[in-house]
Amino acid sequence: MKENPWTISNVLSASRILLMAPVVYFFLSPMDHNREYAVLFTLLAVTTDALDGYFARLFHQESEWGKVIDPLADKIGVGIVVVLLLIFGDIPLWFALLVLCRDIIIFLGGLYIRKRTGMILPSNMAGKFAVSFVALTLVLSMVHYRAFAFLREISLDISLVLLVLSFIVYVKRFIDVLSTEKNKLSS
């Protein structure tokens, strides 16, 4: 039986990609409070990220499609906001490169695992924590409130640690999956 890709959770994940259009529009707009509007749409996207997993578990609709669209939506959304913030000088280049390179490597690694084993690996908790702190860092970087400056720096530091740790977890999992597959083939 073919699975239905149009579950509530998958639609929420896909909507996260669509929500990037108003984020970009407001971020680039010359209107007053443009960044605050961009933050509102970013927070809406973050909310859909929390809700999609909740609904998938609640309605028992975890799917292969969801394992693809959810992390892909995260990577697209984070990538767009990172590039915007980098262009406007709101985040350091090293942070942007770390976020983007990590996501690209994880995505390509996932494609390789899929091709070699037929498995689609879901996100893991380390990755979810890292993305949560990256999202917080990006939101705090989108607005220029002095009251948030210290919190932004702390969030940036925590994001750095979590990005590195989650990358190590992903690499270990990739190696484990590939070695298990190699052992199956040699048996």
Protein backbone atom coordinates (compact mmCIF):
# COMPACT_ATOMS: atom_id res chain seq x y z
CA MET A 1 0.00 0.00 0.00
CA LYS A 2 1.31 3.43 -0.98
CA GLU A 3 1.48 5.93 1.88
CA ASN A 4 -0.43 9.20 1.77
CA PRO A 5 2.00 12.13 1.61
CA TRP A 6 -0.78 14.62 2.48
CA THR A 7 -0.94 14.05 6.23
CA ILE A 8 -1.36 16.96 8.61
CA SER A 9 2.25 16.68 9.73
CA ASN A 10 3.63 16.58 6.17
CA VAL A 11 1.51 19.58 5.14
CA LEU A 12 2.84 21.47 8.18
CA SER A 13 6.41 20.57 7.21
CA ALA A 14 5.86 21.71 3.61
CA SER A 15 4.23 24.93 4.83
CA ARG A 16 7.49 25.73 6.61
CA ILE A 17 9.17 26.05 3.22
CA LEU A 18 6.35 28.30 1.95
CA LEU A 19 6.63 30.50 5.04
CA MET A 20 10.11 31.48 3.93
CA ALA A 21 8.61 33.68 1.17
CA PRO A 22 7.13 36.22 3.62
CA VAL A 23 10.26 35.97 5.79
CA VAL A 24 12.39 37.01 2.81
CA TYR A 25 9.87 39.65 1.72
CA PHE A 26 9.68 41.34 5.10
CA PHE A 27 13.40 40.98 5.79
CA LEU A 28 14.23 42.81 2.55
CA SER A 29 11.36 45.31 2.81
CA PRO A 30 12.18 48.95 3.59
CA MET A 31 9.01 49.29 5.71
CA ASP A 32 9.11 50.08 9.41
CA HIS A 33 9.42 47.05 11.68
CA ASN A 34 10.21 44.81 8.71
CA ARG A 35 12.41 42.57 10.80
CA GLU A 36 9.77 42.13 13.47
CA TYR A 37 7.35 40.92 10.79
CA ALA A 38 10.02 38.57 9.45
CA VAL A 39 10.50 37.25 13.00
CA LEU A 40 6.76 36.61 13.33
CA PHE A 41 6.77 34.44 10.19
CA THR A 42 9.96 32.73 11.36
CA LEU A 43 8.32 31.93 14.69
CA LEU A 44 5.29 30.60 12.83
CA ALA A 45 7.64 28.31 10.89
CA VAL A 46 9.28 27.19 14.15
CA THR A 47 5.81 26.45 15.54
CA THR A 48 4.98 24.26 12.53
CA ASP A 49 8.21 22.38 13.18
CA ALA A 50 7.06 21.57 16.71
CA LEU A 51 3.54 20.68 15.61
CA ASP A 52 4.40 18.41 12.67
CA GLY A 53 6.11 15.83 14.86
CA TYR A 54 3.40 16.08 17.48
CA PHE A 55 0.64 15.40 14.93
CA ALA A 56 2.61 12.60 13.26
CA ARG A 57 2.87 10.78 16.59
CA LEU A 58 -0.67 11.66 17.71
CA PHE A 59 -2.29 10.32 14.53
CA HIS A 60 0.29 7.56 13.97
CA GLN A 61 1.24 9.13 10.65
CA GLU A 62 5.02 8.83 10.77
CA SER A 63 6.04 8.28 7.18
CA GLU A 64 9.02 7.97 4.87
CA TRP A 65 7.89 11.18 3.18
CA GLY A 66 7.82 12.93 6.58
CA LYS A 67 11.36 11.74 7.30
CA VAL A 68 12.42 13.60 4.16
CA ILE A 69 10.27 16.74 4.13
CA ASP A 70 10.69 17.66 7.82
CA PRO A 71 14.49 17.92 7.93
CA LEU A 72 14.56 19.31 4.38
CA ALA A 73 12.16 22.10 5.42
CA ASP A 74 14.40 22.81 8.42
CA LYS A 75 17.50 23.01 6.26
CA ILE A 76 15.85 25.23 3.64
CA GLY A 77 14.40 27.58 6.25
CA VAL A 78 17.58 27.83 8.28
CA GLY A 79 19.66 28.23 5.12
CA ILE A 80 17.55 31.11 3.83
CA VAL A 81 17.63 32.99 7.13
CA VAL A 82 21.36 32.34 7.59
CA VAL A 83 22.14 33.73 4.14
CA LEU A 84 19.98 36.82 4.74
CA LEU A 85 21.59 37.49 8.10
CA LEU A 86 25.06 36.96 6.67
CA ILE A 87 24.41 39.37 3.79
CA PHE A 88 23.32 42.05 6.24
CA GLY A 89 26.22 41.38 8.62
CA ASP A 90 24.04 40.18 11.48
CA ILE A 91 25.85 36.90 12.07
CA PRO A 92 29.54 36.04 11.76
CA LEU A 93 30.78 34.30 8.63
CA TRP A 94 32.17 31.36 10.65
CA PHE A 95 28.73 30.68 12.13
CA ALA A 96 27.01 30.84 8.75
CA LEU A 97 29.58 28.48 7.23
CA LEU A 98 29.28 26.06 10.14
CA VAL A 99 25.48 25.91 9.89
CA LEU A 100 25.37 25.67 6.09
CA CYS A 101 28.24 23.19 5.69
CA ARG A 102 26.92 20.94 8.46
CA ASP A 103 23.46 20.87 6.90
CA ILE A 104 24.79 20.21 3.39
CA ILE A 105 27.02 17.38 4.60
CA ILE A 106 24.18 15.79 6.61
CA PHE A 107 21.81 16.11 3.64
CA LEU A 108 24.32 14.57 1.21
CA GLY A 109 25.14 11.86 3.73
CA GLY A 110 21.44 11.06 4.01
CA LEU A 111 21.16 10.81 0.24
CA TYR A 112 24.17 8.47 0.17
CA ILE A 113 22.68 6.27 2.90
CA ARG A 114 19.37 6.18 1.01
CA LYS A 115 21.11 5.14 -2.19
CA ARG A 116 23.29 2.50 -0.50
CA THR A 117 20.77 1.00 1.91
CA GLY A 118 17.33 2.20 0.87
CA MET A 119 16.89 3.64 4.38
CA ILE A 120 15.76 7.16 5.15
CA LEU A 121 17.26 8.15 8.46
CA PRO A 122 15.07 10.41 10.59
CA SER A 123 16.36 13.41 12.48
CA ASN A 124 17.79 12.68 15.89
CA MET A 125 17.40 14.48 19.22
CA ALA A 126 20.88 16.02 19.09
CA GLY A 127 20.02 17.54 15.73
CA LYS A 128 16.67 18.80 17.00
CA PHE A 129 18.32 20.52 19.98
CA ALA A 130 20.94 22.06 17.70
CA VAL A 131 18.32 23.36 15.26
CA SER A 132 16.29 24.78 18.16
CA PHE A 133 19.23 26.81 19.43
CA VAL A 134 20.23 27.84 15.92
CA ALA A 135 16.64 29.07 15.40
CA LEU A 136 16.82 31.03 18.66
CA THR A 137 20.16 32.53 17.62
CA LEU A 138 18.78 33.49 14.21
CA VAL A 139 15.63 35.06 15.65
CA LEU A 140 17.69 37.05 18.16
CA SER A 141 20.00 38.12 15.31
CA MET A 142 17.07 39.29 13.17
CA VAL A 143 16.14 42.05 15.60
CA HIS A 144 18.56 44.57 16.97
CA TYR A 145 17.34 45.00 20.53
CA ARG A 146 20.09 45.75 23.02
CA ALA A 147 18.21 43.78 25.66
CA PHE A 148 18.75 40.62 23.58
CA ALA A 149 22.46 41.15 22.81
CA PHE A 150 23.79 39.09 25.72
CA LEU A 151 21.19 36.37 25.21
CA ARG A 152 22.11 36.25 21.51
CA GLU A 153 25.80 35.73 22.34
CA ILE A 154 25.00 32.93 24.80
CA SER A 155 22.69 31.33 22.25
CA LEU A 156 25.39 31.61 19.60
CA ASP A 157 27.88 29.81 21.86
CA ILE A 158 25.39 27.07 22.79
CA SER A 159 24.50 26.66 19.10
CA LEU A 160 28.17 26.18 18.26
CA VAL A 161 28.56 23.40 20.81
CA LEU A 162 25.29 21.69 19.82
CA LEU A 163 26.05 21.91 16.09
CA VAL A 164 29.39 20.19 16.60
CA LEU A 165 27.97 17.54 18.95
CA SER A 166 25.01 16.78 16.69
CA PHE A 167 27.32 16.52 13.69
CA ILE A 168 29.40 13.95 15.57
CA VAL A 169 26.20 12.00 16.38
CA TYR A 170 25.15 12.08 12.72
CA VAL A 171 28.59 10.94 11.53
CA LYS A 172 28.61 8.08 14.05
CA ARG A 173 25.14 7.01 12.91
CA PHE A 174 26.15 7.13 9.24
CA ILE A 175 29.21 4.99 9.98
CA ASP A 176 27.13 2.52 12.03
CA VAL A 177 24.51 2.18 9.28
CA LEU A 178 27.13 1.70 6.57
CA SER A 179 29.11 -0.84 8.59
CA THR A 180 25.90 -2.77 9.37
CA GLU A 181 25.06 -2.77 5.66
CA LYS A 182 28.59 -3.90 4.80
CA ASN A 183 28.33 -6.75 7.33
CA LYS A 184 25.00 -7.84 5.81
CA LEU A 185 26.51 -7.93 2.34
CA SER A 186 29.56 -9.91 3.44
CA SER A 187 27.48 -12.50 5.34
